[in-house]
Amino acid sequence: MSKHAIFHIEGGIGKHVASTAVVKAYKKQNPDRKIIVVCAWPEVFLNNKDIHRVFRLGNVPYFYQDYIHGKDVEVFAQEPYKQTSHITKKTHLIKSWCDMIGVKYNSEKPYIHFNLREKDLIDPQLASLQKNKPLLLFQPFGGPGKEHQQHPYSWVRDIPPPVAQEIVTKLKEQYMILHVCYDFHPKLEGAIRFEKQVSKKELFNLINFSDKRLLIDSSLQHAAAALDKPSTVVWVGTSPKIFGYDMHKNVLPKTEFPKGHIDSYLYDYNFTGAVHECPYDEFKEIHTADSIIKNI
C-alpha cells in the first residue's frame, strides 16, 4: 500500500516558496511517503522531485477516494501563522512549520526547480535589452494585488515611494534598473518598469537574469534564497528573524515599533499596511536612500 503525505497550503506566493523547505525536510525523514500538495500556487512545486502530485485548491476531483480512503496517510493542514513561536516572533517561519508537523529542521532552504525550457524563459522585452550596465532587479513595492489591498503603498513592507525614487535617481548611471511591480504601484523615473502578468516561474527567473537584487519582504526574496542568489532585502514592519534568510543583506528600519496598534490582535500590524496603523510621522524615520544603497 502506498504511503501518502498531504500538505494543504494556503496564503501568498512567498509562503508557498518557504513551504518547499518544510516539504524537503519532511521528505528527508520520510523517504517512503509520496507527497501530495494541495495549494493556492501549484506553480511553485512544479518539477519538484520531492512531490508526487500537486493540485490547485478547489480542483481536486476524487481526491478523498484516491489519496485518503483506506490509505496509509498523514495530513498536514495546520496553519503555521497561528503557532505561538511565530506569533511571538521567536522562531523562523520554516522552523515553526517543521516543529508544528513534528519534523526535525536541519537548516533546509526553499527549493524551486527550473527545467531546461524554464531556465530560458525570459520576456522578449527583457531579452532584447542591451546590457551595457549591470542589471539591478528592484522591487520596492509588493502585496497581493489591487483586488486585495486598498492602497498601492503598504508602509508595513514597502520602501517609501520618495525613498525608492531617490534610490533610482542615485543608481541609474551605475545600473540598469528593472522595477518589478503591479500596474497600480507608483511609477519611478529612470527605471525600466516591468508590470506584466507572467507565470511565477518566469517571474522568479528574473532573479537569475539579474546581476544585483534590491527587494522587500516578498515572494522574490524567498525565491532568491531558493535560487542561491544573495540579495539586499529592506524590512519595515515584518522581521527577517521569522521571514528572512542570513544569506541576504537584511536592512532594518531606523526606528521600530514592535508593540502594535489598538487594532492589533495576534499580529502587530496588518500586512497590507492599514493607513491608520502607521506609527511613523516621517519617511526618514523608516529608511533613507543612502542607508539602503550602501548595502547593495
Protein backbone atom coordinates (compact mmCIF):
# COMPACT_ATOMS: atom_id res chain seq x y z
CA MET A 1 0.00 0.00 0.00
CA SER A 2 1.30 3.45 -0.95
CA LYS A 3 2.09 5.79 1.90
CA HIS A 4 0.84 9.33 1.34
CA ALA A 5 1.55 12.68 2.98
CA ILE A 6 -0.82 15.51 2.11
CA PHE A 7 0.24 19.13 2.52
CA HIS A 8 -2.62 21.64 2.37
CA ILE A 9 -1.15 25.13 1.91
CA GLU A 10 -2.98 28.44 1.72
CA GLY A 11 -1.76 32.03 1.55
CA GLY A 12 0.64 34.03 -0.59
CA ILE A 13 3.36 33.04 -3.03
CA GLY A 14 6.19 33.78 -0.61
CA LYS A 15 4.66 31.48 1.99
CA HIS A 16 4.44 28.76 -0.67
CA VAL A 17 8.11 29.16 -1.58
CA ALA A 18 9.06 28.94 2.11
CA SER A 19 6.97 25.77 2.43
CA THR A 20 9.20 23.96 -0.07
CA ALA A 21 11.86 23.88 2.66
CA VAL A 22 9.36 22.22 5.00
CA VAL A 23 8.48 19.64 2.35
CA LYS A 24 12.20 18.99 1.76
CA ALA A 25 12.79 18.41 5.48
CA TYR A 26 9.79 16.08 5.68
CA LYS A 27 10.86 14.04 2.63
CA LYS A 28 14.37 13.54 4.02
CA GLN A 29 12.91 11.95 7.13
CA ASN A 30 10.07 10.13 5.37
CA PRO A 31 11.51 8.99 2.02
CA ASP A 32 8.93 6.22 1.61
CA ARG A 33 5.94 8.58 1.63
CA LYS A 34 4.54 10.08 -1.56
CA ILE A 35 3.92 13.79 -1.02
CA ILE A 36 0.76 15.33 -2.42
CA VAL A 37 0.47 19.11 -2.24
CA VAL A 38 -2.85 20.96 -2.47
CA CYS A 39 -2.22 24.68 -2.61
CA ALA A 40 -3.09 28.10 -3.99
CA TRP A 41 0.06 28.41 -6.13
CA PRO A 42 0.95 24.99 -7.61
CA GLU A 43 3.46 26.59 -10.00
CA VAL A 44 5.91 26.80 -7.10
CA PHE A 45 6.02 23.00 -6.82
CA LEU A 46 6.14 22.01 -10.49
CA ASN A 47 9.01 19.60 -11.31
CA ASN A 48 9.98 19.40 -7.63
CA LYS A 49 11.42 15.89 -7.27
CA ASP A 50 10.11 15.62 -3.69
CA ILE A 51 6.50 15.96 -4.88
CA HIS A 52 4.39 13.09 -6.20
CA ARG A 53 1.38 15.22 -7.20
CA VAL A 54 0.37 18.88 -6.88
CA PHE A 55 -3.22 20.16 -7.10
CA ARG A 56 -4.71 23.64 -7.12
CA LEU A 57 -7.12 24.38 -4.27
CA GLY A 58 -10.66 23.69 -5.42
CA ASN A 59 -9.60 21.43 -8.29
CA VAL A 60 -9.31 18.07 -6.53
CA PRO A 61 -11.70 15.55 -8.18
CA TYR A 62 -11.91 12.14 -6.44
CA PHE A 63 -9.17 13.29 -4.05
CA TYR A 64 -10.58 11.60 -0.95
CA GLN A 65 -11.03 8.28 -2.77
CA ASP A 66 -7.59 8.37 -4.39
CA TYR A 67 -5.41 9.60 -1.53
CA ILE A 68 -7.20 9.23 1.82
CA HIS A 69 -9.86 6.50 1.97
CA GLY A 70 -8.30 3.26 3.18
CA LYS A 71 -4.77 4.65 2.67
CA ASP A 72 -1.78 4.98 4.98
CA VAL A 73 -1.89 8.77 5.03
CA GLU A 74 -0.68 11.75 7.03
CA VAL A 75 -2.46 15.06 6.53
CA PHE A 76 -0.84 18.42 7.30
CA ALA A 77 -3.40 21.20 7.04
CA GLN A 78 -2.32 23.24 10.05
CA GLU A 79 -1.65 26.98 9.78
CA PRO A 80 1.93 27.91 10.78
CA TYR A 81 0.98 31.57 11.15
CA LYS A 82 -1.19 30.55 14.11
CA GLN A 83 1.66 28.94 16.07
CA THR A 84 2.89 30.55 19.29
CA SER A 85 6.51 30.57 18.14
CA HIS A 86 5.52 32.52 15.02
CA ILE A 87 3.12 34.93 16.68
CA THR A 88 5.70 35.79 19.37
CA LYS A 89 8.41 36.15 16.68
CA LYS A 90 10.75 33.71 18.38
CA THR A 91 11.26 31.26 15.52
CA HIS A 92 11.64 31.44 11.76
CA LEU A 93 8.52 30.51 9.81
CA ILE A 94 10.15 27.40 8.29
CA LYS A 95 11.27 26.03 11.65
CA SER A 96 7.89 26.81 13.25
CA TRP A 97 6.26 24.89 10.41
CA CYS A 98 8.59 21.92 10.85
CA ASP A 99 8.04 21.90 14.62
CA MET A 100 4.28 22.05 14.06
CA ILE A 101 4.26 18.86 11.95
CA GLY A 102 6.86 17.06 14.08
CA VAL A 103 9.77 17.18 11.64
CA LYS A 104 13.36 17.96 12.61
CA TYR A 105 14.62 21.12 10.94
CA ASN A 106 18.19 20.94 9.65
CA SER A 107 18.51 24.39 8.05
CA GLU A 108 16.76 23.34 4.83
CA LYS A 109 16.28 26.22 2.41
CA PRO A 110 13.44 26.75 -0.07
CA TYR A 111 13.78 24.97 -3.38
CA ILE A 112 12.46 25.83 -6.84
CA HIS A 113 13.27 23.62 -9.81
CA PHE A 114 13.67 25.01 -13.32
CA ASN A 115 13.60 22.59 -16.24
CA LEU A 116 15.51 23.13 -19.46
CA ARG A 117 12.90 25.41 -21.04
CA GLU A 118 12.05 27.33 -17.89
CA LYS A 119 15.69 28.39 -17.49
CA ASP A 120 15.46 30.22 -20.83
CA LEU A 121 12.01 31.70 -20.26
CA ILE A 122 12.61 35.46 -20.33
CA ASP A 123 10.18 38.07 -21.60
CA PRO A 124 11.15 39.27 -25.11
CA GLN A 125 11.25 42.87 -23.84
CA LEU A 126 13.98 41.90 -21.38
CA ALA A 127 15.82 39.55 -23.68
CA SER A 128 16.28 42.41 -26.14
CA LEU A 129 17.83 44.77 -23.59
CA GLN A 130 21.34 45.93 -24.37
CA LYS A 131 23.01 45.23 -21.05
CA ASN A 132 25.80 47.79 -21.10
CA LYS A 133 25.44 48.10 -17.32
CA PRO A 134 24.78 45.56 -14.56
CA LEU A 135 21.07 44.84 -14.14
CA LEU A 136 19.59 45.68 -10.75
CA LEU A 137 16.31 43.89 -10.06
CA PHE A 138 14.33 46.32 -7.89
CA GLN A 139 11.09 45.51 -6.07
CA PRO A 140 10.29 48.39 -3.71
CA PHE A 141 6.53 47.70 -3.55
CA GLY A 142 4.71 44.39 -3.20
CA GLY A 143 1.49 42.98 -1.83
CA PRO A 144 -1.25 40.65 -3.03
CA GLY A 145 -2.55 42.97 -5.77
CA LYS A 146 -5.16 45.71 -6.05
CA GLU A 147 -8.04 43.27 -5.54
CA HIS A 148 -6.78 42.52 -2.04
CA GLN A 149 -5.24 45.76 -0.79
CA GLN A 150 -6.78 49.22 -0.62
CA HIS A 151 -3.67 51.31 -1.30
CA PRO A 152 -0.71 50.83 -3.68
CA TYR A 153 1.81 51.63 -0.93
CA SER A 154 1.97 49.45 2.18
CA TRP A 155 4.03 51.13 4.88
CA VAL A 156 4.48 47.72 6.60
CA ARG A 157 6.57 46.10 3.86
CA ASP A 158 7.26 48.61 1.07
CA ILE A 159 10.09 51.08 0.64
CA PRO A 160 8.59 54.59 0.95
CA PRO A 161 7.96 55.89 -2.60
CA PRO A 162 10.12 59.05 -2.23
CA VAL A 163 12.98 56.89 -0.95
CA ALA A 164 12.53 54.40 -3.81
CA GLN A 165 12.69 57.26 -6.33
CA GLU A 166 15.83 58.66 -4.71
CA ILE A 167 17.46 55.22 -4.91
CA VAL A 168 16.73 55.02 -8.65
CA THR A 169 17.99 58.57 -9.23
CA LYS A 170 21.26 57.83 -7.45
CA LEU A 171 21.87 54.42 -9.06
CA LYS A 172 20.57 54.80 -12.62
CA GLU A 173 24.00 55.76 -14.02
CA GLN A 174 25.61 52.71 -12.40
CA TYR A 175 22.87 50.14 -13.02
CA MET A 176 20.15 49.32 -15.49
CA ILE A 177 17.24 49.20 -13.03
CA LEU A 178 14.34 46.82 -13.63
CA HIS A 179 11.36 47.86 -11.50
CA VAL A 180 9.16 44.80 -10.89
CA CYS A 181 5.68 45.90 -9.86
CA TYR A 182 1.92 45.75 -10.33
CA ASP A 183 0.26 48.21 -12.68
CA PHE A 184 -1.16 50.24 -9.76
CA HIS A 185 2.19 50.76 -7.99
CA PRO A 186 3.91 54.17 -8.04
CA LYS A 187 6.00 54.92 -11.14
CA LEU A 188 9.73 55.53 -10.78
CA GLU A 189 11.51 57.84 -13.22
CA GLY A 190 14.75 56.34 -14.55
CA ALA A 191 13.79 52.67 -14.12
CA ILE A 192 12.52 50.13 -16.64
CA ARG A 193 9.00 49.27 -15.47
CA PHE A 194 8.04 45.58 -15.58
CA GLU A 195 4.38 45.15 -14.68
CA LYS A 196 3.43 42.30 -17.00
CA GLN A 197 1.43 39.40 -15.61
CA VAL A 198 3.70 36.43 -16.25
CA SER A 199 3.93 32.91 -14.83
CA LYS A 200 5.54 32.61 -11.41
CA LYS A 201 8.44 30.64 -12.83
CA GLU A 202 9.05 33.38 -15.40
CA LEU A 203 8.86 35.99 -12.64
CA PHE A 204 11.35 34.09 -10.49
CA ASN A 205 13.67 33.66 -13.45
CA LEU A 206 14.22 37.42 -13.40
CA ILE A 207 16.36 36.70 -10.35
CA ASN A 208 18.71 34.57 -12.45
CA PHE A 209 18.66 37.21 -15.19
CA SER A 210 19.79 39.99 -12.82
CA ASP A 211 23.24 40.94 -11.55
CA LYS A 212 22.06 42.52 -8.29
CA ARG A 213 18.78 42.44 -6.42
CA LEU A 214 17.17 45.01 -4.12
CA LEU A 215 13.98 43.58 -2.67
CA ILE A 216 11.45 43.85 0.13
CA ASP A 217 9.80 41.11 2.20
CA SER A 218 8.05 39.44 -0.73
CA SER A 219 7.97 36.26 -2.77
CA LEU A 220 11.08 37.37 -4.67
CA GLN A 221 13.24 37.41 -1.54
CA HIS A 222 12.13 33.85 -0.74
CA ALA A 223 12.76 32.82 -4.35
CA ALA A 224 16.21 34.44 -4.29
CA ALA A 225 17.07 32.25 -1.30
CA ALA A 226 15.76 29.20 -3.16
CA LEU A 227 17.96 30.06 -6.16
CA ASP A 228 21.06 30.82 -4.05
CA LYS A 229 21.12 34.44 -5.15
CA PRO A 230 22.19 36.71 -2.25
CA SER A 231 20.19 39.93 -2.33
CA THR A 232 19.64 43.12 -0.37
CA VAL A 233 16.29 42.95 1.43
CA VAL A 234 14.70 46.00 3.05
CA TRP A 235 12.42 45.49 6.07
CA VAL A 236 9.91 47.71 7.86
CA GLY A 237 7.13 46.13 9.93
CA THR A 238 7.99 42.48 9.30
CA SER A 239 11.13 40.76 10.56
CA PRO A 240 13.97 38.83 8.87
CA LYS A 241 14.15 36.74 12.03
CA ILE A 242 10.93 34.99 11.05
CA PHE A 243 10.68 35.62 7.29
CA GLY A 244 14.24 36.30 6.09
CA TYR A 245 17.49 34.47 5.32
CA ASP A 246 21.03 35.01 6.59
CA MET A 247 22.40 34.77 3.04
CA HIS A 248 20.79 38.15 2.26
CA LYS A 249 21.85 41.60 3.46
CA ASN A 250 18.86 42.47 5.61
CA VAL A 251 18.35 46.22 6.11
CA LEU A 252 16.25 47.04 9.17
CA PRO A 253 14.33 50.30 9.71
CA LYS A 254 16.00 53.11 11.65
CA THR A 255 13.12 53.08 14.15
CA GLU A 256 10.92 50.11 15.01
CA PHE A 257 7.51 49.98 16.69
CA PRO A 258 7.05 46.32 17.67
CA LYS A 259 4.17 46.78 20.11
CA GLY A 260 1.43 47.06 17.51
CA HIS A 261 -1.66 49.22 17.50
CA ILE A 262 -5.09 49.43 19.11
CA ASP A 263 -6.41 47.02 16.45
CA SER A 264 -3.55 44.51 16.80
CA TYR A 265 -4.72 41.08 17.89
CA LEU A 266 -2.40 38.11 17.21
CA TYR A 267 -0.06 40.13 14.99
CA ASP A 268 1.42 43.57 15.48
CA TYR A 269 0.41 45.03 12.10
CA ASN A 270 -1.70 44.11 9.10
CA PHE A 271 0.50 43.04 6.16
CA THR A 272 -1.41 45.27 3.73
CA GLY A 273 -0.44 48.38 5.67
CA ALA A 274 -3.65 49.76 7.11
CA VAL A 275 -3.23 53.54 6.96
CA HIS A 276 -4.42 54.29 10.49
CA GLU A 277 -1.94 51.80 11.98
CA CYS A 278 1.18 53.55 10.68
CA PRO A 279 3.31 54.65 13.68
CA TYR A 280 5.72 56.83 11.67
CA ASP A 281 5.49 60.60 11.24
CA GLU A 282 8.13 60.97 8.52
CA PHE A 283 9.61 58.69 5.85
CA LYS A 284 13.12 59.40 7.13
CA GLU A 285 12.24 57.59 10.36
CA ILE A 286 11.97 54.37 8.34
CA HIS A 287 14.78 54.35 5.77
CA THR A 288 16.96 56.76 3.83
CA ALA A 289 18.15 56.07 0.31
CA ASP A 290 21.81 56.18 1.38
CA SER A 291 21.30 53.66 4.21
CA ILE A 292 19.89 51.21 1.67
CA ILE A 293 22.33 51.91 -1.18
CA LYS A 294 25.40 51.20 0.95
CA ASN A 295 24.15 47.61 1.40
CA ILE A 296 23.83 46.81 -2.32
